[in-house]
Amino acid sequence: MTPLSVSAEWNIITHTSLNNDLKTQVAYTENKSGYSLEIYKDNVGSVRSRFTLNSSLNLISTDICPTYQVDLTLVKNTSFNDAPCISNLNWSEFILGYITNNQISSLSLDALLNGNEVTFRFVLDNGSYKETSFSLTGSKRAALKVIGKDIILNP
């Protein structure tokens, strides 16, 4: 996994599925604390973001999705159409919207591409509360490279 640098904060990496060798390009950043954030388009045209913890020793609580806040405006802990997040032991994923006819309507995606900072607040399975932030500098350029430069984004 060799990152292609897009800006000082965001890179393009390629994930390969262990099930079918399908390759997916991902806009990726990692903060100073080791947490990571990804934005990508899956094989059915949904745009997703994945927040991953900094250690396999920590586990996200299965009772509540992490909350993310972009700047002082958007605060969410659900996916598109208020669906719950998708969580595994050390990551949570949010569906940001679906591409239809080369367009996507998503206030969350718009905020992640045009904001300055996103903060995640979450509870671990041991009950402790954590918070971490990511710079969004370069997120728009990186994300549009992986979801498509010709995509029309409607907030």
N, C-alpha and C. Protein backbone atom coordinates (compact mmCIF):
# COMPACT_ATOMS: atom_id res chain seq x y z
N MET A 1 0.85 -1.16 0.00
CA MET A 1 0.00 0.00 0.00
C MET A 1 0.90 1.23 0.00
N THR A 2 1.16 1.78 -1.17
CA THR A 2 2.00 2.96 -1.30
C THR A 2 1.11 4.17 -1.54
N PRO A 3 1.15 5.16 -0.65
CA PRO A 3 0.29 6.32 -0.81
C PRO A 3 0.77 7.24 -1.92
N LEU A 4 -0.17 7.78 -2.67
CA LEU A 4 0.11 8.83 -3.64
C LEU A 4 -0.25 10.13 -2.96
N SER A 5 0.73 10.99 -2.75
CA SER A 5 0.50 12.21 -2.00
C SER A 5 -0.31 13.20 -2.82
N VAL A 6 -1.39 13.70 -2.24
CA VAL A 6 -2.23 14.70 -2.87
C VAL A 6 -2.01 16.05 -2.21
N SER A 7 -1.87 16.05 -0.91
CA SER A 7 -1.53 17.26 -0.16
C SER A 7 -0.78 16.80 1.08
N ALA A 8 -0.42 17.75 1.91
CA ALA A 8 0.32 17.40 3.12
C ALA A 8 -0.52 16.55 4.06
N GLU A 9 -1.83 16.65 3.96
CA GLU A 9 -2.71 15.96 4.91
C GLU A 9 -3.37 14.69 4.36
N TRP A 10 -3.70 14.66 3.07
CA TRP A 10 -4.48 13.57 2.48
C TRP A 10 -3.69 12.87 1.39
N ASN A 11 -3.85 11.55 1.30
CA ASN A 11 -3.20 10.73 0.28
C ASN A 11 -4.25 9.85 -0.40
N ILE A 12 -3.85 9.29 -1.54
CA ILE A 12 -4.66 8.29 -2.23
C ILE A 12 -3.95 6.96 -2.01
N ILE A 13 -4.67 5.98 -1.47
CA ILE A 13 -4.12 4.64 -1.30
C ILE A 13 -5.08 3.65 -1.97
N THR A 14 -4.63 2.44 -2.15
CA THR A 14 -5.45 1.40 -2.76
C THR A 14 -5.63 0.27 -1.77
N HIS A 15 -6.89 -0.08 -1.51
CA HIS A 15 -7.21 -1.25 -0.69
C HIS A 15 -7.55 -2.40 -1.64
N THR A 16 -7.10 -3.60 -1.31
CA THR A 16 -7.44 -4.78 -2.08
C THR A 16 -8.27 -5.71 -1.20
N SER A 17 -9.45 -6.07 -1.69
CA SER A 17 -10.34 -6.97 -0.95
C SER A 17 -9.71 -8.35 -0.84
N LEU A 18 -9.75 -8.91 0.36
CA LEU A 18 -9.21 -10.26 0.56
C LEU A 18 -10.13 -11.32 -0.06
N ASN A 19 -11.40 -10.96 -0.27
CA ASN A 19 -12.36 -11.93 -0.80
C ASN A 19 -12.26 -12.12 -2.31
N ASN A 20 -12.03 -11.02 -3.06
CA ASN A 20 -12.11 -11.14 -4.50
C ASN A 20 -11.04 -10.33 -5.26
N ASP A 21 -10.03 -9.85 -4.58
CA ASP A 21 -8.95 -9.06 -5.17
C ASP A 21 -9.43 -7.76 -5.82
N LEU A 22 -10.64 -7.30 -5.51
CA LEU A 22 -11.15 -6.03 -6.01
C LEU A 22 -10.36 -4.89 -5.39
N LYS A 23 -9.88 -3.98 -6.22
CA LYS A 23 -9.09 -2.85 -5.75
C LYS A 23 -9.96 -1.60 -5.67
N THR A 24 -9.84 -0.87 -4.55
CA THR A 24 -10.61 0.35 -4.33
C THR A 24 -9.64 1.46 -3.96
N GLN A 25 -9.72 2.57 -4.70
CA GLN A 25 -8.92 3.73 -4.34
C GLN A 25 -9.62 4.48 -3.21
N VAL A 26 -8.82 4.97 -2.27
CA VAL A 26 -9.33 5.57 -1.05
C VAL A 26 -8.60 6.88 -0.78
N ALA A 27 -9.35 7.95 -0.46
CA ALA A 27 -8.74 9.18 0.05
C ALA A 27 -8.49 8.93 1.53
N TYR A 28 -7.27 9.12 1.99
CA TYR A 28 -6.86 8.66 3.32
C TYR A 28 -6.06 9.74 4.05
N THR A 29 -6.33 9.87 5.34
CA THR A 29 -5.50 10.71 6.19
C THR A 29 -5.34 10.03 7.54
N GLU A 30 -4.24 10.31 8.19
CA GLU A 30 -4.00 9.81 9.55
C GLU A 30 -3.54 11.00 10.38
N ASN A 31 -4.13 11.14 11.58
CA ASN A 31 -3.74 12.27 12.42
C ASN A 31 -2.53 11.90 13.29
N LYS A 32 -2.05 12.87 14.05
CA LYS A 32 -0.84 12.67 14.87
C LYS A 32 -1.03 11.61 15.94
N SER A 33 -2.29 11.35 16.33
CA SER A 33 -2.56 10.34 17.35
C SER A 33 -2.69 8.94 16.77
N GLY A 34 -2.62 8.81 15.43
CA GLY A 34 -2.68 7.50 14.80
C GLY A 34 -4.05 7.05 14.36
N TYR A 35 -5.09 7.88 14.58
CA TYR A 35 -6.42 7.56 14.07
C TYR A 35 -6.44 7.84 12.57
N SER A 36 -7.27 7.14 11.81
CA SER A 36 -7.32 7.39 10.38
C SER A 36 -8.75 7.64 9.92
N LEU A 37 -8.86 8.33 8.79
CA LEU A 37 -10.14 8.65 8.17
C LEU A 37 -9.99 8.41 6.68
N GLU A 38 -10.99 7.75 6.10
CA GLU A 38 -10.99 7.44 4.67
C GLU A 38 -12.30 7.88 4.05
N ILE A 39 -12.24 8.27 2.79
CA ILE A 39 -13.43 8.55 1.98
C ILE A 39 -13.25 7.77 0.69
N TYR A 40 -14.29 7.02 0.29
CA TYR A 40 -14.17 6.23 -0.93
C TYR A 40 -15.55 5.93 -1.52
N LYS A 41 -15.53 5.47 -2.76
CA LYS A 41 -16.75 5.03 -3.45
C LYS A 41 -16.69 3.52 -3.55
N ASP A 42 -17.77 2.85 -3.14
CA ASP A 42 -17.77 1.39 -3.22
C ASP A 42 -18.22 0.94 -4.62
N ASN A 43 -18.32 -0.37 -4.83
CA ASN A 43 -18.61 -0.90 -6.15
C ASN A 43 -20.06 -0.72 -6.59
N VAL A 44 -20.94 -0.23 -5.72
CA VAL A 44 -22.33 0.05 -6.12
C VAL A 44 -22.63 1.55 -6.16
N GLY A 45 -21.60 2.38 -6.03
CA GLY A 45 -21.78 3.82 -6.17
C GLY A 45 -22.15 4.56 -4.91
N SER A 46 -22.02 3.92 -3.76
CA SER A 46 -22.24 4.68 -2.53
C SER A 46 -20.90 5.26 -2.08
N VAL A 47 -20.96 6.48 -1.55
CA VAL A 47 -19.76 7.14 -1.06
C VAL A 47 -19.75 6.97 0.45
N ARG A 48 -18.63 6.52 0.98
CA ARG A 48 -18.52 6.17 2.39
C ARG A 48 -17.33 6.86 3.04
N SER A 49 -17.44 7.04 4.34
CA SER A 49 -16.28 7.47 5.14
C SER A 49 -16.08 6.43 6.22
N ARG A 50 -14.82 6.14 6.51
CA ARG A 50 -14.49 5.16 7.54
C ARG A 50 -13.52 5.79 8.53
N PHE A 51 -13.91 5.76 9.80
CA PHE A 51 -13.09 6.23 10.91
C PHE A 51 -12.52 5.00 11.60
N THR A 52 -11.18 4.96 11.75
CA THR A 52 -10.52 3.80 12.34
C THR A 52 -9.72 4.22 13.57
N LEU A 53 -9.84 3.43 14.63
CA LEU A 53 -9.11 3.70 15.86
C LEU A 53 -7.61 3.53 15.66
N ASN A 54 -6.84 4.06 16.59
CA ASN A 54 -5.39 4.04 16.49
C ASN A 54 -4.75 2.79 17.05
N SER A 55 -5.51 1.88 17.62
CA SER A 55 -4.93 0.69 18.23
C SER A 55 -5.94 -0.45 18.17
N SER A 56 -5.45 -1.65 17.87
CA SER A 56 -6.34 -2.81 17.87
C SER A 56 -6.70 -3.24 19.29
N LEU A 57 -6.05 -2.61 20.28
CA LEU A 57 -6.37 -2.91 21.68
C LEU A 57 -7.64 -2.19 22.13
N ASN A 58 -7.99 -1.10 21.43
CA ASN A 58 -9.22 -0.38 21.74
C ASN A 58 -10.34 -0.88 20.84
N LEU A 59 -11.53 -0.96 21.40
CA LEU A 59 -12.69 -1.40 20.64
C LEU A 59 -13.81 -0.37 20.77
N ILE A 60 -14.47 -0.07 19.66
CA ILE A 60 -15.59 0.87 19.68
C ILE A 60 -16.79 0.21 20.32
N SER A 61 -17.51 0.95 21.13
CA SER A 61 -18.73 0.45 21.75
C SER A 61 -19.74 0.08 20.67
N THR A 62 -20.37 -1.05 20.82
CA THR A 62 -21.39 -1.47 19.85
C THR A 62 -22.74 -0.83 20.12
N ASP A 63 -22.85 -0.09 21.21
CA ASP A 63 -24.14 0.50 21.59
C ASP A 63 -24.44 1.84 20.93
N ILE A 64 -23.40 2.56 20.49
CA ILE A 64 -23.62 3.89 19.94
C ILE A 64 -22.57 4.21 18.88
N CYS A 65 -23.03 4.78 17.78
CA CYS A 65 -22.12 5.19 16.71
C CYS A 65 -21.32 6.41 17.15
N PRO A 66 -20.09 6.53 16.66
CA PRO A 66 -19.34 7.76 16.92
C PRO A 66 -20.10 8.96 16.35
N THR A 67 -19.85 10.11 16.93
CA THR A 67 -20.41 11.36 16.40
C THR A 67 -19.29 12.10 15.70
N TYR A 68 -19.60 12.66 14.53
CA TYR A 68 -18.59 13.50 13.89
C TYR A 68 -19.16 14.89 13.68
N GLN A 69 -18.29 15.87 13.85
CA GLN A 69 -18.67 17.28 13.72
C GLN A 69 -17.67 17.97 12.81
N VAL A 70 -18.19 18.58 11.73
CA VAL A 70 -17.35 19.35 10.82
C VAL A 70 -17.45 20.81 11.21
N ASP A 71 -16.31 21.40 11.54
CA ASP A 71 -16.23 22.78 11.99
C ASP A 71 -17.26 23.00 13.10
N LEU A 72 -18.02 24.06 13.05
CA LEU A 72 -19.03 24.33 14.09
C LEU A 72 -20.44 24.07 13.58
N THR A 73 -20.56 23.43 12.41
CA THR A 73 -21.88 23.29 11.79
C THR A 73 -22.43 21.88 11.88
N LEU A 74 -22.01 21.01 11.01
CA LEU A 74 -22.61 19.69 10.87
C LEU A 74 -22.21 18.77 12.03
N VAL A 75 -23.20 18.21 12.72
CA VAL A 75 -22.97 17.21 13.77
C VAL A 75 -23.84 16.01 13.45
N LYS A 76 -23.22 14.82 13.28
CA LYS A 76 -23.98 13.62 12.91
C LYS A 76 -23.40 12.38 13.59
N ASN A 77 -24.25 11.40 13.78
CA ASN A 77 -23.77 10.07 14.18
C ASN A 77 -24.53 8.99 13.42
N THR A 78 -25.06 9.38 12.26
CA THR A 78 -25.78 8.43 11.42
C THR A 78 -25.27 8.53 9.98
N SER A 79 -25.65 7.54 9.19
CA SER A 79 -25.35 7.53 7.77
C SER A 79 -26.42 8.29 7.02
N PHE A 80 -26.36 8.22 5.70
CA PHE A 80 -27.33 8.83 4.81
C PHE A 80 -28.75 8.38 5.18
N ASN A 81 -29.71 9.28 5.12
CA ASN A 81 -31.11 9.00 5.48
C ASN A 81 -31.26 8.48 6.90
N ASP A 82 -30.39 8.92 7.80
CA ASP A 82 -30.41 8.57 9.22
C ASP A 82 -30.25 7.09 9.52
N ALA A 83 -29.68 6.35 8.59
CA ALA A 83 -29.36 4.94 8.85
C ALA A 83 -28.21 4.88 9.85
N PRO A 84 -28.13 3.83 10.66
CA PRO A 84 -27.03 3.74 11.62
C PRO A 84 -25.69 3.52 10.92
N CYS A 85 -24.63 3.83 11.61
CA CYS A 85 -23.30 3.56 11.07
C CYS A 85 -23.09 2.05 11.00
N ILE A 86 -22.07 1.66 10.29
CA ILE A 86 -21.67 0.26 10.21
C ILE A 86 -20.37 0.16 11.00
N SER A 87 -20.35 -0.68 12.03
CA SER A 87 -19.16 -0.74 12.89
C SER A 87 -18.58 -2.14 12.93
N ASN A 88 -17.28 -2.17 13.08
CA ASN A 88 -16.54 -3.38 13.32
C ASN A 88 -15.85 -3.17 14.66
N LEU A 89 -14.91 -4.00 15.03
CA LEU A 89 -14.27 -3.88 16.32
C LEU A 89 -13.51 -2.57 16.50
N ASN A 90 -12.80 -2.13 15.46
CA ASN A 90 -11.99 -0.92 15.65
C ASN A 90 -12.25 0.16 14.59
N TRP A 91 -13.35 0.06 13.87
CA TRP A 91 -13.72 1.12 12.93
C TRP A 91 -15.22 1.27 12.84
N SER A 92 -15.62 2.45 12.39
CA SER A 92 -17.03 2.75 12.09
C SER A 92 -17.09 3.41 10.74
N GLU A 93 -18.11 3.06 9.99
CA GLU A 93 -18.24 3.57 8.63
C GLU A 93 -19.60 4.22 8.47
N PHE A 94 -19.61 5.31 7.72
CA PHE A 94 -20.83 6.06 7.46
C PHE A 94 -21.05 6.13 5.95
N ILE A 95 -22.25 5.82 5.50
CA ILE A 95 -22.61 6.03 4.10
C ILE A 95 -23.00 7.49 3.97
N LEU A 96 -22.29 8.22 3.09
CA LEU A 96 -22.50 9.64 2.94
C LEU A 96 -23.55 9.96 1.88
N GLY A 97 -23.79 9.03 0.96
CA GLY A 97 -24.77 9.24 -0.09
C GLY A 97 -24.52 8.28 -1.23
N TYR A 98 -25.39 8.37 -2.26
CA TYR A 98 -25.33 7.46 -3.39
C TYR A 98 -25.22 8.27 -4.68
N ILE A 99 -24.33 7.84 -5.55
CA ILE A 99 -24.16 8.50 -6.84
C ILE A 99 -25.21 7.95 -7.80
N THR A 100 -26.02 8.84 -8.35
CA THR A 100 -27.04 8.49 -9.33
C THR A 100 -26.94 9.48 -10.48
N ASN A 101 -26.83 8.98 -11.70
CA ASN A 101 -26.71 9.85 -12.88
C ASN A 101 -25.60 10.88 -12.71
N ASN A 102 -24.47 10.43 -12.17
CA ASN A 102 -23.29 11.28 -12.00
C ASN A 102 -23.49 12.42 -11.00
N GLN A 103 -24.50 12.28 -10.10
CA GLN A 103 -24.77 13.29 -9.07
C GLN A 103 -24.89 12.62 -7.72
N ILE A 104 -24.59 13.39 -6.68
CA ILE A 104 -24.79 12.92 -5.31
C ILE A 104 -25.29 14.09 -4.48
N SER A 105 -26.32 13.85 -3.72
CA SER A 105 -26.84 14.85 -2.78
C SER A 105 -26.43 14.43 -1.38
N SER A 106 -25.55 15.23 -0.77
CA SER A 106 -25.04 14.85 0.54
C SER A 106 -24.47 16.06 1.26
N LEU A 107 -25.17 16.49 2.29
CA LEU A 107 -24.68 17.57 3.14
C LEU A 107 -23.40 17.14 3.86
N SER A 108 -23.35 15.87 4.28
CA SER A 108 -22.17 15.36 5.00
C SER A 108 -20.93 15.36 4.11
N LEU A 109 -21.06 14.86 2.88
CA LEU A 109 -19.92 14.84 1.97
C LEU A 109 -19.47 16.26 1.66
N ASP A 110 -20.42 17.15 1.41
CA ASP A 110 -20.09 18.55 1.14
C ASP A 110 -19.29 19.15 2.30
N ALA A 111 -19.72 18.87 3.52
CA ALA A 111 -19.02 19.40 4.70
C ALA A 111 -17.61 18.83 4.80
N LEU A 112 -17.44 17.53 4.56
CA LEU A 112 -16.12 16.91 4.64
C LEU A 112 -15.17 17.41 3.55
N LEU A 113 -15.71 17.80 2.41
CA LEU A 113 -14.86 18.28 1.32
C LEU A 113 -14.57 19.77 1.40
N ASN A 114 -15.43 20.52 2.07
CA ASN A 114 -15.28 21.97 2.09
C ASN A 114 -15.01 22.55 3.48
N GLY A 115 -14.99 21.70 4.49
CA GLY A 115 -14.74 22.17 5.85
C GLY A 115 -13.26 22.28 6.14
N ASN A 116 -12.95 22.71 7.36
CA ASN A 116 -11.57 22.86 7.80
C ASN A 116 -11.11 21.72 8.69
N GLU A 117 -12.02 21.20 9.55
CA GLU A 117 -11.64 20.16 10.52
C GLU A 117 -12.87 19.32 10.86
N VAL A 118 -12.65 18.03 11.04
CA VAL A 118 -13.70 17.13 11.51
C VAL A 118 -13.24 16.52 12.83
N THR A 119 -14.14 16.50 13.81
CA THR A 119 -13.85 15.94 15.12
C THR A 119 -14.76 14.74 15.34
N PHE A 120 -14.17 13.62 15.74
CA PHE A 120 -14.92 12.42 16.08
C PHE A 120 -14.93 12.27 17.59
N ARG A 121 -16.12 12.02 18.14
CA ARG A 121 -16.30 11.73 19.57
C ARG A 121 -16.92 10.34 19.65
N PHE A 122 -16.36 9.50 20.53
CA PHE A 122 -16.81 8.11 20.55
C PHE A 122 -16.58 7.49 21.92
N VAL A 123 -17.29 6.40 22.15
CA VAL A 123 -17.20 5.63 23.40
C VAL A 123 -16.57 4.29 23.07
N LEU A 124 -15.59 3.91 23.88
CA LEU A 124 -14.98 2.59 23.73
C LEU A 124 -15.81 1.55 24.46
N ASP A 125 -15.56 0.28 24.18
CA ASP A 125 -16.34 -0.78 24.82
C ASP A 125 -16.15 -0.84 26.32
N ASN A 126 -15.07 -0.23 26.85
CA ASN A 126 -14.85 -0.20 28.30
C ASN A 126 -15.55 0.99 28.96
N GLY A 127 -16.29 1.79 28.15
CA GLY A 127 -17.04 2.91 28.67
C GLY A 127 -16.32 4.24 28.64
N SER A 128 -15.04 4.25 28.29
CA SER A 128 -14.32 5.53 28.26
C SER A 128 -14.68 6.33 27.01
N TYR A 129 -14.66 7.63 27.17
CA TYR A 129 -15.04 8.58 26.12
C TYR A 129 -13.77 9.14 25.50
N LYS A 130 -13.73 9.22 24.18
CA LYS A 130 -12.54 9.73 23.48
C LYS A 130 -12.97 10.74 22.43
N GLU A 131 -12.00 11.52 22.00
CA GLU A 131 -12.22 12.53 20.96
C GLU A 131 -10.93 12.67 20.16
N THR A 132 -11.05 12.83 18.85
CA THR A 132 -9.89 13.09 18.00
C THR A 132 -10.34 13.89 16.79
N SER A 133 -9.40 14.64 16.20
CA SER A 133 -9.73 15.52 15.06
C SER A 133 -8.81 15.27 13.89
N PHE A 134 -9.31 15.63 12.70
CA PHE A 134 -8.56 15.53 11.46
C PHE A 134 -8.68 16.85 10.71
N SER A 135 -7.59 17.27 10.10
CA SER A 135 -7.63 18.41 9.19
C SER A 135 -8.31 17.96 7.90
N LEU A 136 -9.11 18.83 7.33
CA LEU A 136 -9.75 18.54 6.05
C LEU A 136 -9.03 19.22 4.88
N THR A 137 -7.88 19.81 5.16
CA THR A 137 -7.09 20.43 4.10
C THR A 137 -6.69 19.36 3.08
N GLY A 138 -7.09 19.54 1.85
CA GLY A 138 -6.77 18.58 0.79
C GLY A 138 -7.78 17.47 0.63
N SER A 139 -8.80 17.41 1.50
CA SER A 139 -9.77 16.31 1.41
C SER A 139 -10.57 16.37 0.11
N LYS A 140 -10.90 17.56 -0.35
CA LYS A 140 -11.72 17.69 -1.56
C LYS A 140 -10.96 17.16 -2.77
N ARG A 141 -9.73 17.57 -2.93
CA ARG A 141 -8.93 17.12 -4.07
C ARG A 141 -8.76 15.60 -4.05
N ALA A 142 -8.43 15.06 -2.88
CA ALA A 142 -8.21 13.61 -2.77
C ALA A 142 -9.51 12.85 -2.99
N ALA A 143 -10.59 13.28 -2.36
CA ALA A 143 -11.87 12.56 -2.47
C ALA A 143 -12.40 12.59 -3.90
N LEU A 144 -12.29 13.72 -4.57
CA LEU A 144 -12.79 13.80 -5.94
C LEU A 144 -11.97 12.93 -6.88
N LYS A 145 -10.70 12.69 -6.57
CA LYS A 145 -9.90 11.77 -7.38
C LYS A 145 -10.42 10.34 -7.27
N VAL A 146 -10.94 9.97 -6.10
CA VAL A 146 -11.40 8.58 -5.93
C VAL A 146 -12.89 8.39 -6.23
N ILE A 147 -13.70 9.43 -6.06
CA ILE A 147 -15.14 9.25 -6.36
C ILE A 147 -15.50 9.72 -7.76
N GLY A 148 -14.65 10.55 -8.36
CA GLY A 148 -14.88 11.02 -9.72
C GLY A 148 -14.91 12.53 -9.80
N LYS A 149 -14.05 13.09 -10.64
CA LYS A 149 -13.97 14.55 -10.77
C LYS A 149 -15.22 15.14 -11.40
N ASP A 150 -15.95 14.33 -12.18
CA ASP A 150 -17.11 14.84 -12.89
C ASP A 150 -18.40 14.71 -12.08
N ILE A 151 -18.30 14.21 -10.87
CA ILE A 151 -19.48 14.05 -10.02
C ILE A 151 -20.00 15.42 -9.62
N ILE A 152 -21.29 15.63 -9.70
CA ILE A 152 -21.90 16.87 -9.27
C ILE A 152 -22.40 16.66 -7.85
N LEU A 153 -21.87 17.46 -6.94
CA LEU A 153 -22.22 17.36 -5.51
C LEU A 153 -23.25 18.41 -5.16
N ASN A 154 -24.41 17.96 -4.69
CA ASN A 154 -25.47 18.85 -4.21
C ASN A 154 -25.56 18.71 -2.71
N PRO A 155 -25.30 19.81 -1.96
CA PRO A 155 -25.37 19.72 -0.49
C PRO A 155 -26.79 19.42 0.00
